[in-house]
Amino acid sequence: MKTTVKLFRKFTGITILLTVFVLIVVYLFNVKREKETALQKLTEYNQIVPVKTIIASSKHFDQTLSESGRFQSSKSVDVISKVHGNVLNVNVLIGEYVQAGKVLIEVEKGTLQSQYELAKLALENAAIDLKRFEELVKEDAVTKLQYETVRLGYQNAITNFELVKEQLDNTVIIAPVSGYITQRNIEKGSYILPGIPLVSISQISELLFMVQVSLPLWAYLTMLQYKLYFKGLTETR
């Protein structure tokens, strides 16, 4: 009985050893196969891949883009009111071409005319007084202080006369440049104040075509040569 038990234990031990040995062999075989597979992939990756090169060249490329926009004058002048008063006459219409110096609008002079006459008379009298005091101061008939007072009065009379004259001149509004009337903001009988835009004059010798495009498209266009077509007008950029 004891002999049988010993043989069984010996057989069991041998079986376990064989099983472990087989497992080790299988494991080592799998490891070797994985290494061979990895080595093969690495070898294939490191192989030189043939590359064909070509020389870049420019080719003609046609593409049509259609966008909506508007023409705008590159030079436009707003005529601004410098006086206040009722408008007597408006001598231009929208779309009319005017030459520089043409009378556009006439504003009532009101009290400016009488102020001008008074300022002119005051200047003439101040000039007479100054001339008289210049002779008197030479003869020591008046003091230098009296002479300086008269001279200062003459200078003030000049300043006042020029101011009133400028205001009177501004009641007749003329075109500062030649061009087309594109805006008219007043009518006959309107009351205007200083700083009010009255009319706009546009010079169309140079026109701008205004169109809104996306930023990527604009960047694309700046790198190309293109043509713009406007109802018979062609411009190459």
C-alpha atoms as a PDB file:
ATOM      1  CA  MET A   1       0.000   0.000   0.000  1.00  0.00           C
ATOM      2  CA  LYS A   2       2.788   2.384   0.898  1.00  0.00           C
ATOM      3  CA  THR A   3       4.562   1.541  -2.328  1.00  0.00           C
ATOM      4  CA  THR A   4       1.464   2.420  -4.339  1.00  0.00           C
ATOM      5  CA  VAL A   5       1.124   5.810  -2.611  1.00  0.00           C
ATOM      6  CA  LYS A   6       4.741   6.636  -3.302  1.00  0.00           C
ATOM      7  CA  LEU A   7       4.365   5.733  -6.969  1.00  0.00           C
ATOM      8  CA  PHE A   8       1.234   7.901  -7.222  1.00  0.00           C
ATOM      9  CA  ARG A   9       2.969  10.885  -5.659  1.00  0.00           C
ATOM     10  CA  LYS A  10       5.965  10.408  -7.920  1.00  0.00           C
ATOM     11  CA  PHE A  11       3.732  10.218 -10.986  1.00  0.00           C
ATOM     12  CA  THR A  12       1.813  13.324  -9.905  1.00  0.00           C
ATOM     13  CA  GLY A  13       5.026  15.284  -9.397  1.00  0.00           C
ATOM     14  CA  ILE A  14       6.313  14.293 -12.816  1.00  0.00           C
ATOM     15  CA  THR A  15       2.998  15.331 -14.391  1.00  0.00           C
ATOM     16  CA  ILE A  16       3.135  18.742 -12.726  1.00  0.00           C
ATOM     17  CA  LEU A  17       6.722  19.277 -13.859  1.00  0.00           C
ATOM     18  CA  LEU A  18       5.820  18.331 -17.423  1.00  0.00           C
ATOM     19  CA  THR A  19       2.852  20.695 -17.360  1.00  0.00           C
ATOM     20  CA  VAL A  20       5.001  23.570 -16.084  1.00  0.00           C
ATOM     21  CA  PHE A  21       7.637  22.783 -18.699  1.00  0.00           C
ATOM     22  CA  VAL A  22       5.052  22.787 -21.490  1.00  0.00           C
ATOM     23  CA  LEU A  23       3.649  26.118 -20.292  1.00  0.00           C
ATOM     24  CA  ILE A  24       7.125  27.630 -20.190  1.00  0.00           C
ATOM     25  CA  VAL A  25       7.856  26.388 -23.703  1.00  0.00           C
ATOM     26  CA  VAL A  26       4.564  27.783 -25.009  1.00  0.00           C
ATOM     27  CA  TYR A  27       5.230  31.145 -23.301  1.00  0.00           C
ATOM     28  CA  LEU A  28       8.746  31.366 -24.708  1.00  0.00           C
ATOM     29  CA  PHE A  29       7.440  30.455 -28.154  1.00  0.00           C
ATOM     30  CA  ASN A  30       4.815  33.212 -28.005  1.00  0.00           C
ATOM     31  CA  VAL A  31       7.388  35.742 -26.813  1.00  0.00           C
ATOM     32  CA  LYS A  32       9.698  34.790 -29.660  1.00  0.00           C
ATOM     33  CA  ARG A  33       6.906  35.071 -32.205  1.00  0.00           C
ATOM     34  CA  GLU A  34       5.897  38.522 -30.906  1.00  0.00           C
ATOM     35  CA  LYS A  35       9.504  39.700 -31.109  1.00  0.00           C
ATOM     36  CA  GLU A  36       9.806  38.411 -34.659  1.00  0.00           C
ATOM     37  CA  THR A  37       6.563  40.164 -35.633  1.00  0.00           C
ATOM     38  CA  ALA A  38       7.704  43.451 -34.073  1.00  0.00           C
ATOM     39  CA  LEU A  39      11.101  43.143 -35.758  1.00  0.00           C
ATOM     40  CA  GLN A  40       9.434  42.519 -39.112  1.00  0.00           C
ATOM     41  CA  LYS A  41       7.230  45.604 -38.734  1.00  0.00           C
ATOM     42  CA  LEU A  42      10.226  47.703 -37.731  1.00  0.00           C
ATOM     43  CA  THR A  43      12.144  46.458 -40.737  1.00  0.00           C
ATOM     44  CA  GLU A  44       9.250  47.282 -43.063  1.00  0.00           C
ATOM     45  CA  TYR A  45       8.949  50.773 -41.513  1.00  0.00           C
ATOM     46  CA  ASN A  46      12.649  51.487 -41.970  1.00  0.00           C
ATOM     47  CA  GLN A  47      12.650  50.485 -45.609  1.00  0.00           C
ATOM     48  CA  ILE A  48      13.225  53.392 -48.023  1.00  0.00           C
ATOM     49  CA  VAL A  49       9.992  54.394 -49.710  1.00  0.00           C
ATOM     50  CA  PRO A  50      10.497  55.614 -53.288  1.00  0.00           C
ATOM     51  CA  VAL A  51       9.249  59.202 -53.798  1.00  0.00           C
ATOM     52  CA  LYS A  52       8.515  60.835 -57.119  1.00  0.00           C
ATOM     53  CA  THR A  53       9.136  64.592 -57.281  1.00  0.00           C
ATOM     54  CA  ILE A  54       7.648  67.118 -59.679  1.00  0.00           C
ATOM     55  CA  ILE A  55       8.497  70.773 -60.376  1.00  0.00           C
ATOM     56  CA  ALA A  56       5.797  73.265 -59.367  1.00  0.00           C
ATOM     57  CA  SER A  57       4.570  75.544 -62.136  1.00  0.00           C
ATOM     58  CA  SER A  58       1.901  78.232 -62.479  1.00  0.00           C
ATOM     59  CA  LYS A  59      -1.235  77.564 -64.472  1.00  0.00           C
ATOM     60  CA  HIS A  60      -4.089  79.768 -65.623  1.00  0.00           C
ATOM     61  CA  PHE A  61      -7.107  79.421 -63.372  1.00  0.00           C
ATOM     62  CA  ASP A  62     -10.497  80.972 -64.097  1.00  0.00           C
ATOM     63  CA  GLN A  63     -13.087  81.539 -61.404  1.00  0.00           C
ATOM     64  CA  THR A  64     -16.011  83.948 -61.442  1.00  0.00           C
ATOM     65  CA  LEU A  65     -17.283  85.605 -58.275  1.00  0.00           C
ATOM     66  CA  SER A  66     -20.400  87.761 -58.230  1.00  0.00           C
ATOM     67  CA  GLU A  67     -20.866  90.356 -55.471  1.00  0.00           C
ATOM     68  CA  SER A  68     -23.221  93.304 -55.002  1.00  0.00           C
ATOM     69  CA  GLY A  69     -21.878  96.747 -54.141  1.00  0.00           C
ATOM     70  CA  ARG A  70     -22.248 100.445 -54.830  1.00  0.00           C
ATOM     71  CA  PHE A  71     -20.214 103.271 -56.305  1.00  0.00           C
ATOM     72  CA  GLN A  72     -19.136 106.070 -54.015  1.00  0.00           C
ATOM     73  CA  SER A  73     -17.340 109.308 -54.720  1.00  0.00           C
ATOM     74  CA  SER A  74     -13.781 109.355 -53.455  1.00  0.00           C
ATOM     75  CA  LYS A  75     -14.093 113.099 -52.742  1.00  0.00           C
ATOM     76  CA  SER A  76     -17.171 114.629 -51.129  1.00  0.00           C
ATOM     77  CA  VAL A  77     -17.555 118.052 -49.484  1.00  0.00           C
ATOM     78  CA  ASP A  78     -20.289 119.030 -47.030  1.00  0.00           C
ATOM     79  CA  VAL A  79     -21.264 122.702 -47.182  1.00  0.00           C
ATOM     80  CA  ILE A  80     -21.867 123.833 -43.586  1.00  0.00           C
ATOM     81  CA  SER A  81     -23.900 126.828 -42.437  1.00  0.00           C
ATOM     82  CA  LYS A  82     -21.943 129.546 -40.611  1.00  0.00           C
ATOM     83  CA  VAL A  83     -24.862 131.882 -39.834  1.00  0.00           C
ATOM     84  CA  HIS A  84     -28.415 131.638 -38.585  1.00  0.00           C
ATOM     85  CA  GLY A  85     -31.496 132.951 -40.347  1.00  0.00           C
ATOM     86  CA  ASN A  86     -34.258 132.173 -42.815  1.00  0.00           C
ATOM     87  CA  VAL A  87     -33.321 130.752 -46.217  1.00  0.00           C
ATOM     88  CA  LEU A  88     -34.362 133.099 -49.017  1.00  0.00           C
ATOM     89  CA  ASN A  89     -33.289 131.006 -52.018  1.00  0.00           C
ATOM     90  CA  VAL A  90     -31.904 127.540 -52.763  1.00  0.00           C
ATOM     91  CA  ASN A  91     -30.375 127.665 -56.227  1.00  0.00           C
ATOM     92  CA  VAL A  92     -29.430 123.996 -56.770  1.00  0.00           C
ATOM     93  CA  LEU A  93     -31.129 120.628 -57.177  1.00  0.00           C
ATOM     94  CA  ILE A  94     -29.922 117.131 -56.358  1.00  0.00           C
ATOM     95  CA  GLY A  95     -27.952 115.733 -59.293  1.00  0.00           C
ATOM     96  CA  GLU A  96     -27.065 119.178 -60.639  1.00  0.00           C
ATOM     97  CA  TYR A  97     -23.454 119.913 -61.560  1.00  0.00           C
ATOM     98  CA  VAL A  98     -22.091 123.153 -60.085  1.00  0.00           C
ATOM     99  CA  GLN A  99     -18.885 125.071 -60.625  1.00  0.00           C
ATOM    100  CA  ALA A 100     -16.786 126.283 -57.709  1.00  0.00           C
ATOM    101  CA  GLY A 101     -17.969 129.769 -56.715  1.00  0.00           C
ATOM    102  CA  LYS A 102     -21.605 129.287 -57.736  1.00  0.00           C
ATOM    103  CA  VAL A 103     -24.141 130.752 -55.301  1.00  0.00           C
ATOM    104  CA  LEU A 104     -25.904 127.788 -53.718  1.00  0.00           C
ATOM    105  CA  ILE A 105     -28.023 129.340 -50.964  1.00  0.00           C
ATOM    106  CA  GLU A 106     -29.001 132.849 -49.901  1.00  0.00           C
ATOM    107  CA  VAL A 107     -29.892 133.606 -46.287  1.00  0.00           C
ATOM    108  CA  GLU A 108     -31.693 136.732 -45.134  1.00  0.00           C
ATOM    109  CA  LYS A 109     -29.286 139.365 -43.890  1.00  0.00           C
ATOM    110  CA  GLY A 110     -31.632 140.663 -41.200  1.00  0.00           C
ATOM    111  CA  THR A 111     -29.841 143.076 -38.871  1.00  0.00           C
ATOM    112  CA  LEU A 112     -26.431 142.099 -40.243  1.00  0.00           C
ATOM    113  CA  GLN A 113     -26.661 144.711 -42.989  1.00  0.00           C
ATOM    114  CA  SER A 114     -27.302 147.522 -40.506  1.00  0.00           C
ATOM    115  CA  GLN A 115     -24.592 146.148 -38.184  1.00  0.00           C
ATOM    116  CA  TYR A 116     -22.208 146.193 -41.114  1.00  0.00           C
ATOM    117  CA  GLU A 117     -23.017 149.821 -41.933  1.00  0.00           C
ATOM    118  CA  LEU A 118     -22.540 150.853 -38.297  1.00  0.00           C
ATOM    119  CA  ALA A 119     -19.254 148.921 -38.015  1.00  0.00           C
ATOM    120  CA  LYS A 120     -18.007 150.512 -41.229  1.00  0.00           C
ATOM    121  CA  LEU A 121     -18.882 154.005 -39.977  1.00  0.00           C
ATOM    122  CA  ALA A 122     -17.255 153.310 -36.601  1.00  0.00           C
ATOM    123  CA  LEU A 123     -14.073 152.176 -38.343  1.00  0.00           C
ATOM    124  CA  GLU A 124     -13.963 155.315 -40.484  1.00  0.00           C
ATOM    125  CA  ASN A 125     -14.396 157.543 -37.421  1.00  0.00           C
ATOM    126  CA  ALA A 126     -11.765 155.572 -35.484  1.00  0.00           C
ATOM    127  CA  ALA A 127      -9.327 156.019 -38.370  1.00  0.00           C
ATOM    128  CA  ILE A 128      -9.934 159.798 -38.375  1.00  0.00           C
ATOM    129  CA  ASP A 129      -9.435 159.976 -34.597  1.00  0.00           C
ATOM    130  CA  LEU A 130      -6.228 157.950 -34.793  1.00  0.00           C
ATOM    131  CA  LYS A 131      -4.782 160.203 -37.482  1.00  0.00           C
ATOM    132  CA  ARG A 132      -5.667 163.314 -35.452  1.00  0.00           C
ATOM    133  CA  PHE A 133      -4.147 161.930 -32.250  1.00  0.00           C
ATOM    134  CA  GLU A 134      -0.971 160.937 -34.087  1.00  0.00           C
ATOM    135  CA  GLU A 135      -0.467 164.627 -34.925  1.00  0.00           C
ATOM    136  CA  LEU A 136      -1.395 165.749 -31.417  1.00  0.00           C
ATOM    137  CA  VAL A 137       0.984 163.334 -29.688  1.00  0.00           C
ATOM    138  CA  LYS A 138       3.839 164.669 -31.824  1.00  0.00           C
ATOM    139  CA  GLU A 139       3.075 168.172 -30.507  1.00  0.00           C
ATOM    140  CA  ASP A 140       2.681 166.882 -26.945  1.00  0.00           C
ATOM    141  CA  ALA A 141      -0.895 168.149 -27.034  1.00  0.00           C
ATOM    142  CA  VAL A 142      -2.156 164.804 -25.677  1.00  0.00           C
ATOM    143  CA  THR A 143      -0.595 162.226 -23.419  1.00  0.00           C
ATOM    144  CA  LYS A 144       0.735 158.915 -24.675  1.00  0.00           C
ATOM    145  CA  LEU A 145      -1.946 157.190 -22.628  1.00  0.00           C
ATOM    146  CA  GLN A 146      -4.660 159.088 -24.503  1.00  0.00           C
ATOM    147  CA  TYR A 147      -3.011 158.208 -27.807  1.00  0.00           C
ATOM    148  CA  GLU A 148      -2.785 154.499 -26.892  1.00  0.00           C
ATOM    149  CA  THR A 149      -6.455 154.516 -25.915  1.00  0.00           C
ATOM    150  CA  VAL A 150      -7.421 155.905 -29.333  1.00  0.00           C
ATOM    151  CA  ARG A 151      -5.112 153.460 -31.136  1.00  0.00           C
ATOM    152  CA  LEU A 152      -6.616 150.538 -29.217  1.00  0.00           C
ATOM    153  CA  GLY A 153     -10.097 151.772 -30.133  1.00  0.00           C
ATOM    154  CA  TYR A 154      -9.071 151.777 -33.793  1.00  0.00           C
ATOM    155  CA  GLN A 155      -7.826 148.173 -33.568  1.00  0.00           C
ATOM    156  CA  ASN A 156     -11.099 147.115 -31.928  1.00  0.00           C
ATOM    157  CA  ALA A 157     -13.045 148.863 -34.688  1.00  0.00           C
ATOM    158  CA  ILE A 158     -11.097 146.892 -37.320  1.00  0.00           C
ATOM    159  CA  THR A 159     -11.773 143.587 -35.539  1.00  0.00           C
ATOM    160  CA  ASN A 160     -15.487 144.327 -35.161  1.00  0.00           C
ATOM    161  CA  PHE A 161     -15.816 145.418 -38.796  1.00  0.00           C
ATOM    162  CA  GLU A 162     -14.103 142.273 -40.110  1.00  0.00           C
ATOM    163  CA  LEU A 163     -16.284 140.053 -37.915  1.00  0.00           C
ATOM    164  CA  VAL A 164     -19.542 141.654 -39.056  1.00  0.00           C
ATOM    165  CA  LYS A 165     -18.393 141.644 -42.694  1.00  0.00           C
ATOM    166  CA  GLU A 166     -17.562 137.921 -42.497  1.00  0.00           C
ATOM    167  CA  GLN A 167     -21.013 137.165 -41.062  1.00  0.00           C
ATOM    168  CA  LEU A 168     -22.639 139.232 -43.793  1.00  0.00           C
ATOM    169  CA  ASP A 169     -20.617 137.467 -46.490  1.00  0.00           C
ATOM    170  CA  ASN A 170     -21.673 134.096 -45.054  1.00  0.00           C
ATOM    171  CA  THR A 171     -25.323 134.842 -45.819  1.00  0.00           C
ATOM    172  CA  VAL A 172     -24.429 134.093 -49.443  1.00  0.00           C
ATOM    173  CA  ILE A 173     -23.272 130.473 -49.501  1.00  0.00           C
ATOM    174  CA  ILE A 174     -21.157 129.471 -52.486  1.00  0.00           C
ATOM    175  CA  ALA A 175     -19.803 126.154 -53.767  1.00  0.00           C
ATOM    176  CA  PRO A 176     -16.250 125.592 -52.458  1.00  0.00           C
ATOM    177  CA  VAL A 177     -15.506 123.014 -55.186  1.00  0.00           C
ATOM    178  CA  SER A 178     -16.921 121.864 -58.497  1.00  0.00           C
ATOM    179  CA  GLY A 179     -19.013 118.704 -58.516  1.00  0.00           C
ATOM    180  CA  TYR A 180     -22.467 117.167 -58.365  1.00  0.00           C
ATOM    181  CA  ILE A 181     -25.040 117.939 -55.682  1.00  0.00           C
ATOM    182  CA  THR A 182     -25.672 114.590 -53.984  1.00  0.00           C
ATOM    183  CA  GLN A 183     -27.563 115.843 -50.918  1.00  0.00           C
ATOM    184  CA  ARG A 184     -29.758 118.859 -50.196  1.00  0.00           C
ATOM    185  CA  ASN A 185     -30.962 119.174 -46.629  1.00  0.00           C
ATOM    186  CA  ILE A 186     -32.803 122.524 -46.710  1.00  0.00           C
ATOM    187  CA  GLU A 187     -35.628 124.227 -48.580  1.00  0.00           C
ATOM    188  CA  LYS A 188     -36.608 127.820 -49.193  1.00  0.00           C
ATOM    189  CA  GLY A 189     -38.074 129.291 -46.011  1.00  0.00           C
ATOM    190  CA  SER A 190     -36.152 126.943 -43.702  1.00  0.00           C
ATOM    191  CA  TYR A 191     -34.448 128.383 -40.635  1.00  0.00           C
ATOM    192  CA  ILE A 192     -30.804 127.377 -40.355  1.00  0.00           C
ATOM    193  CA  LEU A 193     -28.284 127.497 -37.526  1.00  0.00           C
ATOM    194  CA  PRO A 194     -24.472 127.526 -37.617  1.00  0.00           C
ATOM    195  CA  GLY A 195     -22.935 124.071 -38.069  1.00  0.00           C
ATOM    196  CA  ILE A 196     -25.865 122.590 -40.026  1.00  0.00           C
ATOM    197  CA  PRO A 197     -24.908 120.590 -43.187  1.00  0.00           C
ATOM    198  CA  LEU A 198     -26.792 122.214 -46.065  1.00  0.00           C
ATOM    199  CA  VAL A 199     -25.700 120.393 -49.225  1.00  0.00           C
ATOM    200  CA  SER A 200     -23.096 117.812 -50.230  1.00  0.00           C
ATOM    201  CA  ILE A 201     -20.963 118.145 -53.353  1.00  0.00           C
ATOM    202  CA  SER A 202     -19.306 115.020 -54.777  1.00  0.00           C
ATOM    203  CA  GLN A 203     -16.525 114.923 -57.326  1.00  0.00           C
ATOM    204  CA  ILE A 204     -16.855 111.843 -59.532  1.00  0.00           C
ATOM    205  CA  SER A 205     -13.571 112.088 -61.410  1.00  0.00           C
ATOM    206  CA  GLU A 206     -12.566 109.206 -59.124  1.00  0.00           C
ATOM    207  CA  LEU A 207     -15.079 106.612 -57.933  1.00  0.00           C
ATOM    208  CA  LEU A 208     -14.798 103.937 -55.276  1.00  0.00           C
ATOM    209  CA  PHE A 209     -16.679 100.654 -55.641  1.00  0.00           C
ATOM    210  CA  MET A 210     -17.775  99.571 -52.173  1.00  0.00           C
ATOM    211  CA  VAL A 211     -18.516  95.876 -51.646  1.00  0.00           C
ATOM    212  CA  GLN A 212     -18.589  93.764 -48.498  1.00  0.00           C
ATOM    213  CA  VAL A 213     -16.701  90.466 -48.641  1.00  0.00           C
ATOM    214  CA  SER A 214     -15.590  88.000 -46.012  1.00  0.00           C
ATOM    215  CA  LEU A 215     -12.096  88.300 -44.569  1.00  0.00           C
ATOM    216  CA  PRO A 216     -10.908  84.961 -46.067  1.00  0.00           C
ATOM    217  CA  LEU A 217     -12.151  86.014 -49.514  1.00  0.00           C
ATOM    218  CA  TRP A 218     -10.411  89.385 -49.223  1.00  0.00           C
ATOM    219  CA  ALA A 219      -7.144  87.683 -48.267  1.00  0.00           C
ATOM    220  CA  TYR A 220      -7.584  85.376 -51.264  1.00  0.00           C
ATOM    221  CA  LEU A 221      -8.235  88.247 -53.686  1.00  0.00           C
ATOM    222  CA  THR A 222      -5.184  90.224 -52.568  1.00  0.00           C
ATOM    223  CA  MET A 223      -2.953  87.402 -53.826  1.00  0.00           C
ATOM    224  CA  LEU A 224      -4.506  87.213 -57.295  1.00  0.00           C
ATOM    225  CA  GLN A 225      -4.806  89.218 -60.463  1.00  0.00           C
ATOM    226  CA  TYR A 226      -8.439  89.801 -61.231  1.00  0.00           C
ATOM    227  CA  LYS A 227     -10.791  91.870 -63.365  1.00  0.00           C
ATOM    228  CA  LEU A 228     -13.817  93.890 -62.318  1.00  0.00           C
ATOM    229  CA  TYR A 229     -16.747  94.350 -64.699  1.00  0.00           C
ATOM    230  CA  PHE A 230     -19.254  97.192 -64.229  1.00  0.00           C
ATOM    231  CA  LYS A 231     -21.769  97.444 -67.071  1.00  0.00           C
ATOM    232  CA  GLY A 232     -19.219  97.874 -69.809  1.00  0.00           C
ATOM    233  CA  LEU A 233     -16.463  99.329 -67.615  1.00  0.00           C
ATOM    234  CA  THR A 234     -13.495  96.976 -67.154  1.00  0.00           C
ATOM    235  CA  GLU A 235     -10.621  97.492 -64.783  1.00  0.00           C
ATOM    236  CA  THR A 236      -7.704  95.097 -64.236  1.00  0.00           C
ATOM    237  CA  ARG A 237      -6.234  94.777 -60.765  1.00  0.00           C
END
